[in-house]
Amino acid sequence: MNKASSNDGLLPFDATILFKALQYQLLVAVEYCHDLTPAESLWIEVSGDVTVPGKVQTEVKNYSDNLTDSHANFWNTLKNWMHENFERTSFKSLVLLTTQEFGSQSELKSWNERSTAERLEIMENIFVSSQTGATKRKAKKTTSKSSDDDETAKPTKSQSLQQYVMAPEHRDKLMEILERMHITVGADSLEQRIQNYQTRHLTMIRPTKYQQFIDDLLGFMCSTKLVSEGWQISHQDFSAKFTELTHRYIKHPKKFPLVDMDALKKTINIEEIKPMLFALKITQIGGECVLKTAALHRVVTQTVISELYSDGVLSKSDVDSYFNNHLILHQNGRNSAMLDCTGVTSQMELNKHSMRFYYDRNGMAVEPFCGMEHTQAEFRNGVYHLLAGEEPEDQDDEFHWRLW
């Protein structure tokens, strides 16, 4: 979203940046959850961005520019850790994790290899250099008649942060931070982080469900229940959710995959459906009222089979066997029902018997598809409608609803 004028109805900022930052933070939290021990929990936005009590507190930053010596990201993080309510000494590590790279001239480059005293010296050098530069600029401005003098005389945001952090009264807090602080630069972008997560943790998941798995997992991480209860994620809760999603989207699922019925309903165009052979066989018995539902069930079956094929879960023989079995069962059921229509000549009565047969078949117990638990009736009924749309060479093999 580009910046827009006030009269074109658009906001003058890109709100997606905020959502991406939250997604990035949640994904980092997910990665931390994988390392929790059974007795541990993780907290989000309590002591900071991502916190494992007693171990590590991580500030997660998603920036595109470089991490320079004066960058507010660095100094503001230190200020946050100085808050009087923040228990710095309860953590073994304080981590600034950022997508930024160090600036080419940055003195922070060797931060992680430096001792606490050396880190303080680096900060003092940066602070002195910054304040000296500010003093020179202020002195230069005193000879200027510019109307901007008042503004330029004020310290920048970065300078204000530096003054706060380096104030003598904060030195004890600063030293507690410096002995624990680690800087991780060049962290992967959101897109790369997602891709790496898929590679490391989702190898057992069907590829077409990667995005859905991650969306569901991030949705769990920011669920209203967790947020309302303090935004704490325990090892037990995370493991249970991860296991649930794994069972749902695993490559060789034990349970029948979930289907978004509402989304598929929106794809149904009844006028496009009416001329199709499966639809004609329904209207032939006066079943116009069930046509839309039949079309939906047909799409459900097509969608599930297509996705499972794409993920390498199914073989053609699996599908053919299931379809052939249902064709035989249907034909036997139809032959039995036709016996009850012997001598019936009224088309209205034949339609009535046929519709009853239709409802009976659609309401029967469902045989599991490829051994999957909870195979949906909608899927099985969709198999009927796909069979009804076929035109076999042998007319005796053709699928019909009519009982004549």
Protein backbone atom coordinates (compact mmCIF):
# COMPACT_ATOMS: atom_id res chain seq x y z
CA MET A 1 0.00 0.00 0.00
CA ASN A 2 1.49 3.33 -1.04
CA LYS A 3 0.94 6.53 0.86
CA ALA A 4 -2.27 8.14 -0.27
CA SER A 5 -3.90 11.54 -0.07
CA SER A 6 -6.66 12.10 2.47
CA ASN A 7 -9.37 12.24 -0.16
CA ASP A 8 -8.88 8.85 -1.78
CA GLY A 9 -10.18 6.80 1.15
CA LEU A 10 -6.87 5.07 1.96
CA LEU A 11 -4.88 5.22 5.17
CA PRO A 12 -1.59 7.17 4.93
CA PHE A 13 0.44 4.16 6.12
CA ASP A 14 0.85 0.51 5.29
CA ALA A 15 -0.96 -1.42 8.04
CA THR A 16 0.28 -4.74 6.63
CA ILE A 17 3.70 -3.93 8.10
CA LEU A 18 2.22 -4.19 11.59
CA PHE A 19 0.62 -7.55 10.84
CA LYS A 20 3.84 -8.88 9.31
CA ALA A 21 5.76 -7.80 12.40
CA LEU A 22 3.28 -9.68 14.62
CA GLN A 23 3.46 -12.77 12.39
CA TYR A 24 7.25 -12.63 12.54
CA GLN A 25 7.19 -12.40 16.33
CA LEU A 26 4.73 -15.29 16.61
CA LEU A 27 6.81 -17.46 14.28
CA VAL A 28 9.91 -16.84 16.39
CA ALA A 29 7.83 -17.80 19.44
CA VAL A 30 6.77 -21.02 17.68
CA GLU A 31 10.41 -21.91 17.08
CA TYR A 32 11.19 -21.31 20.75
CA CYS A 33 8.25 -23.54 21.73
CA HIS A 34 9.90 -26.51 20.01
CA ASP A 35 12.81 -26.19 22.46
CA LEU A 36 10.73 -26.00 25.65
CA THR A 37 11.18 -28.75 28.21
CA PRO A 38 8.03 -30.39 29.64
CA ALA A 39 8.12 -28.12 32.70
CA GLU A 40 8.67 -24.87 30.79
CA SER A 41 6.36 -22.25 29.35
CA LEU A 42 6.82 -19.36 26.97
CA TRP A 43 5.34 -15.89 27.38
CA ILE A 44 4.55 -13.38 24.66
CA GLU A 45 4.44 -9.61 25.29
CA VAL A 46 4.73 -9.98 29.07
CA SER A 47 8.37 -9.19 29.85
CA GLY A 48 9.09 -8.51 26.20
CA ASP A 49 8.43 -9.95 22.75
CA VAL A 50 9.24 -13.62 23.53
CA THR A 51 10.20 -14.86 26.98
CA VAL A 52 11.17 -18.21 28.48
CA PRO A 53 11.29 -17.52 32.24
CA GLY A 54 14.65 -18.20 33.83
CA LYS A 55 16.37 -18.71 30.48
CA VAL A 56 16.00 -16.09 27.76
CA GLN A 57 14.14 -12.92 26.89
CA THR A 58 14.18 -12.03 23.20
CA GLU A 59 13.27 -8.76 21.52
CA VAL A 60 12.22 -9.54 17.93
CA LYS A 61 12.71 -6.81 15.33
CA ASN A 62 11.80 -6.93 11.66
CA TYR A 63 13.66 -4.03 9.99
CA SER A 64 14.94 -3.52 6.46
CA ASP A 65 17.73 -0.96 7.11
CA ASN A 66 21.13 -1.62 8.67
CA LEU A 67 21.83 -1.78 12.39
CA THR A 68 24.13 1.20 12.83
CA ASP A 69 25.73 2.40 16.06
CA SER A 70 23.05 5.05 16.55
CA HIS A 71 20.07 3.01 15.39
CA ALA A 72 17.08 3.40 17.72
CA ASN A 73 16.44 -0.36 17.56
CA PHE A 74 19.60 -1.03 19.58
CA TRP A 75 19.24 1.80 22.08
CA ASN A 76 15.50 1.44 22.61
CA THR A 77 15.93 -2.28 23.34
CA LEU A 78 18.44 -1.42 26.06
CA LYS A 79 16.05 1.17 27.49
CA ASN A 80 13.23 -1.39 27.60
CA TRP A 81 15.44 -3.82 29.51
CA MET A 82 16.19 -1.05 32.03
CA HIS A 83 12.55 -0.75 33.07
CA GLU A 84 12.19 -0.93 36.83
CA ASN A 85 9.70 -3.82 36.57
CA PHE A 86 11.93 -5.91 34.31
CA GLU A 87 13.87 -8.57 36.23
CA ARG A 88 17.05 -8.65 34.17
CA THR A 89 19.00 -10.89 36.51
CA SER A 90 16.40 -13.66 36.28
CA PHE A 91 17.51 -14.42 32.71
CA LYS A 92 20.64 -16.14 31.48
CA SER A 93 20.40 -14.39 28.12
CA LEU A 94 18.91 -11.18 26.75
CA VAL A 95 18.71 -11.38 22.97
CA LEU A 96 18.14 -8.71 20.35
CA LEU A 97 17.07 -10.68 17.26
CA THR A 98 16.78 -8.54 14.16
CA THR A 99 16.55 -8.99 10.42
CA GLN A 100 19.08 -6.16 10.07
CA GLU A 101 22.73 -6.52 9.17
CA PHE A 102 25.39 -4.48 10.96
CA GLY A 103 26.26 -1.20 9.29
CA SER A 104 29.58 -1.28 7.43
CA GLN A 105 31.26 1.05 9.96
CA SER A 106 29.44 -0.21 13.06
CA GLU A 107 31.43 -0.81 16.24
CA LEU A 108 28.75 -3.30 17.28
CA LYS A 109 29.97 -5.96 14.82
CA SER A 110 32.12 -7.77 17.38
CA TRP A 111 29.59 -7.39 20.20
CA ASN A 112 29.04 -11.08 20.93
CA GLU A 113 32.78 -11.77 21.24
CA ARG A 114 33.40 -8.88 23.64
CA SER A 115 33.52 -8.94 27.42
CA THR A 116 31.11 -6.89 29.51
CA ALA A 117 33.73 -4.18 30.06
CA GLU A 118 34.57 -4.06 26.35
CA ARG A 119 30.89 -3.75 25.46
CA LEU A 120 30.59 -0.78 27.81
CA GLU A 121 33.64 0.80 26.18
CA ILE A 122 32.04 0.39 22.74
CA MET A 123 28.89 2.12 23.95
CA GLU A 124 30.84 4.94 25.58
CA ASN A 125 32.74 5.54 22.32
CA ILE A 126 29.47 5.64 20.37
CA PHE A 127 27.89 7.95 22.94
CA VAL A 128 30.82 10.39 23.04
CA SER A 129 31.00 10.51 19.24
CA SER A 130 27.26 11.13 18.98
CA GLN A 131 27.22 13.87 21.61
CA THR A 132 30.29 15.57 20.14
CA GLY A 133 28.68 15.63 16.72
CA ALA A 134 25.47 17.01 18.17
CA THR A 135 27.37 19.76 20.01
CA LYS A 136 29.19 20.81 16.83
CA ARG A 137 25.96 20.94 14.86
CA LYS A 138 24.29 22.98 17.59
CA ALA A 139 27.18 25.44 17.68
CA LYS A 140 27.04 25.82 13.92
CA LYS A 141 23.33 26.54 14.06
CA THR A 142 23.78 29.41 16.54
CA THR A 143 25.07 31.58 13.70
CA SER A 144 22.15 30.65 11.46
CA LYS A 145 18.95 32.67 11.21
CA SER A 146 16.90 29.68 10.07
CA SER A 147 13.39 29.32 11.48
CA ASP A 148 14.20 25.66 12.06
CA ASP A 149 16.78 26.44 14.76
CA ASP A 150 14.52 25.40 17.63
CA GLU A 151 13.87 22.01 16.07
CA THR A 152 17.46 21.28 15.10
CA ALA A 153 18.62 22.21 18.59
CA LYS A 154 16.58 19.41 20.07
CA PRO A 155 18.26 16.00 20.43
CA THR A 156 17.19 13.32 17.97
CA LYS A 157 15.27 10.26 19.14
CA SER A 158 18.46 8.22 19.06
CA GLN A 159 20.39 10.84 21.05
CA SER A 160 17.64 10.98 23.69
CA LEU A 161 17.74 7.20 24.02
CA GLN A 162 21.53 7.24 24.32
CA GLN A 163 21.39 9.89 27.03
CA TYR A 164 18.92 7.81 29.00
CA VAL A 165 20.83 4.55 28.63
CA MET A 166 24.24 6.07 29.42
CA ALA A 167 23.06 8.16 32.37
CA PRO A 168 25.19 7.47 35.49
CA GLU A 169 22.13 6.60 37.57
CA HIS A 170 21.36 3.72 35.16
CA ARG A 171 24.87 2.26 35.11
CA ASP A 172 24.15 -0.70 37.40
CA LYS A 173 21.15 -1.73 35.27
CA LEU A 174 23.21 -1.33 32.12
CA MET A 175 25.98 -3.59 33.41
CA GLU A 176 23.45 -6.29 34.32
CA ILE A 177 22.19 -6.12 30.74
CA LEU A 178 25.59 -6.07 29.04
CA GLU A 179 26.80 -9.27 30.70
CA ARG A 180 23.77 -11.12 29.31
CA MET A 181 23.12 -9.40 25.98
CA HIS A 182 23.52 -11.17 22.64
CA ILE A 183 22.81 -9.62 19.24
CA THR A 184 21.56 -11.84 16.40
CA VAL A 185 21.66 -9.97 13.11
CA GLY A 186 20.73 -11.06 9.60
CA ALA A 187 17.78 -13.08 10.84
CA ASP A 188 15.73 -14.55 8.02
CA SER A 189 12.87 -12.55 6.56
CA LEU A 190 9.32 -13.65 7.33
CA GLU A 191 9.06 -15.48 4.02
CA GLN A 192 12.41 -17.25 4.42
CA ARG A 193 11.66 -18.08 8.04
CA ILE A 194 8.39 -19.73 7.01
CA GLN A 195 10.18 -21.72 4.30
CA ASN A 196 12.87 -22.87 6.73
CA TYR A 197 10.24 -23.85 9.29
CA GLN A 198 8.49 -25.97 6.68
CA THR A 199 11.76 -27.70 5.85
CA ARG A 200 12.68 -28.39 9.47
CA HIS A 201 9.35 -29.24 11.05
CA LEU A 202 6.76 -30.07 8.39
CA THR A 203 8.39 -32.90 6.46
CA MET A 204 5.58 -35.25 7.51
CA ILE A 205 2.86 -32.83 6.36
CA ARG A 206 1.19 -32.85 2.94
CA PRO A 207 2.80 -30.02 0.91
CA THR A 208 -0.56 -28.56 -0.10
CA LYS A 209 -1.31 -28.11 3.61
CA TYR A 210 1.91 -26.32 4.62
CA GLN A 211 0.29 -22.89 4.60
CA GLN A 212 -2.84 -24.09 6.37
CA PHE A 213 -0.75 -25.79 9.06
CA ILE A 214 1.24 -22.61 9.74
CA ASP A 215 -1.89 -20.42 9.65
CA ASP A 216 -3.60 -22.73 12.16
CA LEU A 217 -0.53 -22.81 14.40
CA LEU A 218 -0.10 -19.02 14.40
CA GLY A 219 -3.83 -18.70 15.03
CA PHE A 220 -3.41 -20.88 18.10
CA MET A 221 -0.45 -18.78 19.29
CA CYS A 222 -2.57 -15.60 19.32
CA SER A 223 -5.90 -17.15 20.28
CA THR A 224 -8.18 -15.07 22.49
CA LYS A 225 -8.03 -17.78 25.16
CA LEU A 226 -4.25 -17.63 25.47
CA VAL A 227 -4.14 -13.83 25.33
CA SER A 228 -6.87 -13.46 27.96
CA GLU A 229 -5.00 -15.84 30.27
CA GLY A 230 -1.74 -13.90 30.11
CA TRP A 231 -0.42 -15.08 26.74
CA GLN A 232 1.40 -18.04 28.21
CA ILE A 233 2.06 -21.12 26.07
CA SER A 234 3.10 -24.22 27.96
CA HIS A 235 5.09 -27.09 26.49
CA GLN A 236 2.04 -29.29 27.00
CA ASP A 237 -0.39 -26.96 25.20
CA PHE A 238 1.96 -26.37 22.27
CA SER A 239 2.75 -30.06 21.88
CA ALA A 240 -0.95 -30.94 21.97
CA LYS A 241 -1.75 -28.40 19.25
CA PHE A 242 1.18 -29.44 17.08
CA THR A 243 0.17 -33.09 17.40
CA GLU A 244 -3.45 -32.26 16.54
CA LEU A 245 -2.43 -30.38 13.38
CA THR A 246 0.01 -33.13 12.42
CA HIS A 247 -2.74 -35.74 12.61
CA ARG A 248 -4.98 -33.48 10.55
CA TYR A 249 -2.51 -32.71 7.76
CA ILE A 250 -0.11 -35.68 7.82
CA LYS A 251 0.91 -37.20 4.49
CA HIS A 252 -0.78 -40.49 5.27
CA PRO A 253 -3.68 -39.31 7.41
CA LYS A 254 -5.59 -41.56 9.76
CA LYS A 255 -8.43 -39.06 9.86
CA PHE A 256 -10.34 -37.77 6.87
CA PRO A 257 -9.14 -34.26 5.93
CA LEU A 258 -11.22 -31.25 6.91
CA VAL A 259 -13.09 -29.56 4.08
CA ASP A 260 -14.04 -25.88 3.95
CA MET A 261 -17.69 -26.30 2.97
CA ASP A 262 -18.45 -22.58 3.07
CA ALA A 263 -15.70 -21.79 0.58
CA LEU A 264 -16.78 -24.59 -1.78
CA LYS A 265 -20.43 -23.49 -1.62
CA LYS A 266 -19.42 -20.18 -3.17
CA THR A 267 -18.05 -21.99 -6.22
CA ILE A 268 -21.41 -23.61 -7.09
CA ASN A 269 -23.27 -22.09 -10.04
CA ILE A 270 -26.56 -23.95 -10.34
CA GLU A 271 -27.14 -22.82 -13.94
CA GLU A 272 -23.81 -24.32 -14.98
CA ILE A 273 -24.66 -27.53 -13.13
CA LYS A 274 -28.10 -28.20 -14.62
CA PRO A 275 -26.91 -29.47 -18.07
CA MET A 276 -24.43 -31.94 -16.54
CA LEU A 277 -25.27 -35.64 -16.75
CA PHE A 278 -25.27 -36.24 -12.99
CA ALA A 279 -27.69 -33.31 -12.56
CA LEU A 280 -29.98 -34.52 -15.36
CA LYS A 281 -30.27 -37.90 -13.60
CA ILE A 282 -31.44 -36.10 -10.45
CA THR A 283 -33.96 -33.83 -12.18
CA GLN A 284 -35.18 -36.91 -14.05
CA ILE A 285 -36.72 -38.15 -10.78
CA GLY A 286 -37.98 -34.73 -9.68
CA GLY A 287 -35.03 -33.93 -7.45
CA GLU A 288 -34.45 -30.29 -8.39
CA CYS A 289 -34.60 -29.37 -4.70
CA VAL A 290 -31.45 -31.39 -3.92
CA LEU A 291 -29.45 -30.33 -6.96
CA LYS A 292 -27.36 -27.66 -5.23
CA THR A 293 -26.48 -29.98 -2.35
CA ALA A 294 -25.56 -32.73 -4.79
CA ALA A 295 -23.32 -30.33 -6.69
CA LEU A 296 -21.58 -29.33 -3.45
CA HIS A 297 -20.96 -32.96 -2.46
CA ARG A 298 -19.53 -33.63 -5.92
CA VAL A 299 -17.09 -30.72 -5.55
CA VAL A 300 -16.11 -31.91 -2.06
CA THR A 301 -15.12 -35.30 -3.47
CA GLN A 302 -13.23 -33.78 -6.39
CA THR A 303 -11.35 -31.39 -4.09
CA VAL A 304 -10.34 -34.01 -1.51
CA ILE A 305 -9.16 -36.50 -4.12
CA SER A 306 -7.27 -33.82 -6.05
CA GLU A 307 -5.43 -32.63 -2.92
CA LEU A 308 -4.57 -36.14 -1.77
CA TYR A 309 -3.33 -37.00 -5.25
CA SER A 310 -1.17 -33.86 -5.31
CA ASP A 311 0.38 -34.82 -1.98
CA GLY A 312 1.14 -38.36 -3.11
CA VAL A 313 -1.20 -39.88 -0.54
CA LEU A 314 -3.41 -41.73 -3.03
CA SER A 315 -2.85 -44.12 -5.89
CA LYS A 316 -5.26 -44.50 -8.79
CA SER A 317 -5.98 -48.05 -7.71
CA ASP A 318 -7.11 -46.80 -4.27
CA VAL A 319 -9.65 -44.46 -5.84
CA ASP A 320 -10.80 -46.94 -8.48
CA SER A 321 -11.37 -49.61 -5.85
CA TYR A 322 -13.48 -47.29 -3.67
CA PHE A 323 -15.54 -46.08 -6.64
CA ASN A 324 -16.08 -49.59 -8.05
CA ASN A 325 -17.17 -50.89 -4.67
CA HIS A 326 -19.77 -48.15 -4.34
CA LEU A 327 -21.00 -48.69 -7.88
CA ILE A 328 -21.63 -52.39 -7.16
CA LEU A 329 -23.35 -51.63 -3.84
CA HIS A 330 -25.49 -48.99 -5.51
CA GLN A 331 -26.52 -51.25 -8.37
CA ASN A 332 -27.51 -54.04 -5.97
CA GLY A 333 -29.47 -51.57 -3.86
CA ARG A 334 -31.18 -50.19 -6.94
CA ASN A 335 -32.12 -53.64 -8.23
CA SER A 336 -33.65 -54.43 -4.85
CA ALA A 337 -35.59 -51.16 -4.77
CA MET A 338 -36.89 -51.76 -8.32
CA LEU A 339 -38.57 -54.96 -7.13
CA ASP A 340 -40.82 -52.81 -4.96
CA CYS A 341 -41.83 -50.86 -8.06
CA THR A 342 -43.07 -53.87 -9.99
CA GLY A 343 -46.42 -53.01 -11.52
CA VAL A 344 -46.13 -49.29 -10.75
CA THR A 345 -46.95 -47.30 -13.89
CA SER A 346 -47.60 -43.83 -12.51
CA GLN A 347 -44.62 -41.56 -13.21
CA MET A 348 -45.41 -39.60 -10.07
CA GLU A 349 -45.20 -42.79 -7.98
CA LEU A 350 -42.02 -43.90 -9.71
CA ASN A 351 -40.45 -40.52 -8.99
CA LYS A 352 -41.56 -40.80 -5.37
CA HIS A 353 -39.97 -44.24 -5.00
CA SER A 354 -36.83 -43.03 -6.76
CA MET A 355 -36.46 -40.00 -4.48
CA ARG A 356 -36.90 -42.21 -1.43
CA PHE A 357 -34.16 -44.46 -2.81
CA TYR A 358 -32.00 -41.36 -3.38
CA TYR A 359 -32.39 -40.22 0.23
CA ASP A 360 -31.82 -43.72 1.58
CA ARG A 361 -28.58 -44.10 -0.35
CA ASN A 362 -27.33 -40.66 0.71
CA GLY A 363 -28.15 -41.40 4.34
CA MET A 364 -26.41 -44.77 4.62
CA ALA A 365 -23.44 -45.40 6.89
CA VAL A 366 -20.19 -44.32 5.26
CA GLU A 367 -17.43 -46.76 4.38
CA PRO A 368 -14.01 -45.28 5.31
CA PHE A 369 -12.08 -43.95 2.33
CA CYS A 370 -8.62 -45.57 2.25
CA GLY A 371 -9.04 -46.50 5.91
CA MET A 372 -9.44 -42.88 7.05
CA GLU A 373 -11.52 -42.34 10.16
CA HIS A 374 -14.55 -40.04 10.00
CA THR A 375 -14.87 -40.13 6.22
CA GLN A 376 -17.56 -37.55 5.51
CA ALA A 377 -20.96 -38.51 4.14
CA GLU A 378 -20.63 -35.55 1.79
CA PHE A 379 -17.55 -37.16 0.27
CA ARG A 380 -19.22 -40.55 -0.18
CA ASN A 381 -22.32 -38.91 -1.69
CA GLY A 382 -20.05 -36.98 -4.03
CA VAL A 383 -18.70 -40.33 -5.23
CA TYR A 384 -22.27 -41.22 -6.27
CA HIS A 385 -22.58 -38.04 -8.30
CA LEU A 386 -19.22 -38.52 -9.99
CA LEU A 387 -20.28 -42.06 -10.92
CA ALA A 388 -23.58 -40.68 -12.21
CA GLY A 389 -21.65 -38.37 -14.50
CA GLU A 390 -19.85 -41.21 -16.26
CA GLU A 391 -20.96 -42.87 -19.50
CA PRO A 392 -19.59 -46.45 -19.46
CA GLU A 393 -19.32 -48.53 -22.61
CA ASP A 394 -21.58 -51.17 -21.08
CA GLN A 395 -24.96 -49.59 -20.31
CA ASP A 396 -25.51 -52.17 -17.57
CA ASP A 397 -22.72 -50.46 -15.62
CA GLU A 398 -24.30 -47.01 -15.81
CA PHE A 399 -25.24 -45.31 -12.54
CA HIS A 400 -28.91 -44.30 -12.22
CA TRP A 401 -31.24 -43.00 -9.54
CA ARG A 402 -34.42 -43.79 -11.43
CA LEU A 403 -36.18 -47.03 -10.53
CA TRP A 404 -37.41 -47.90 -14.02
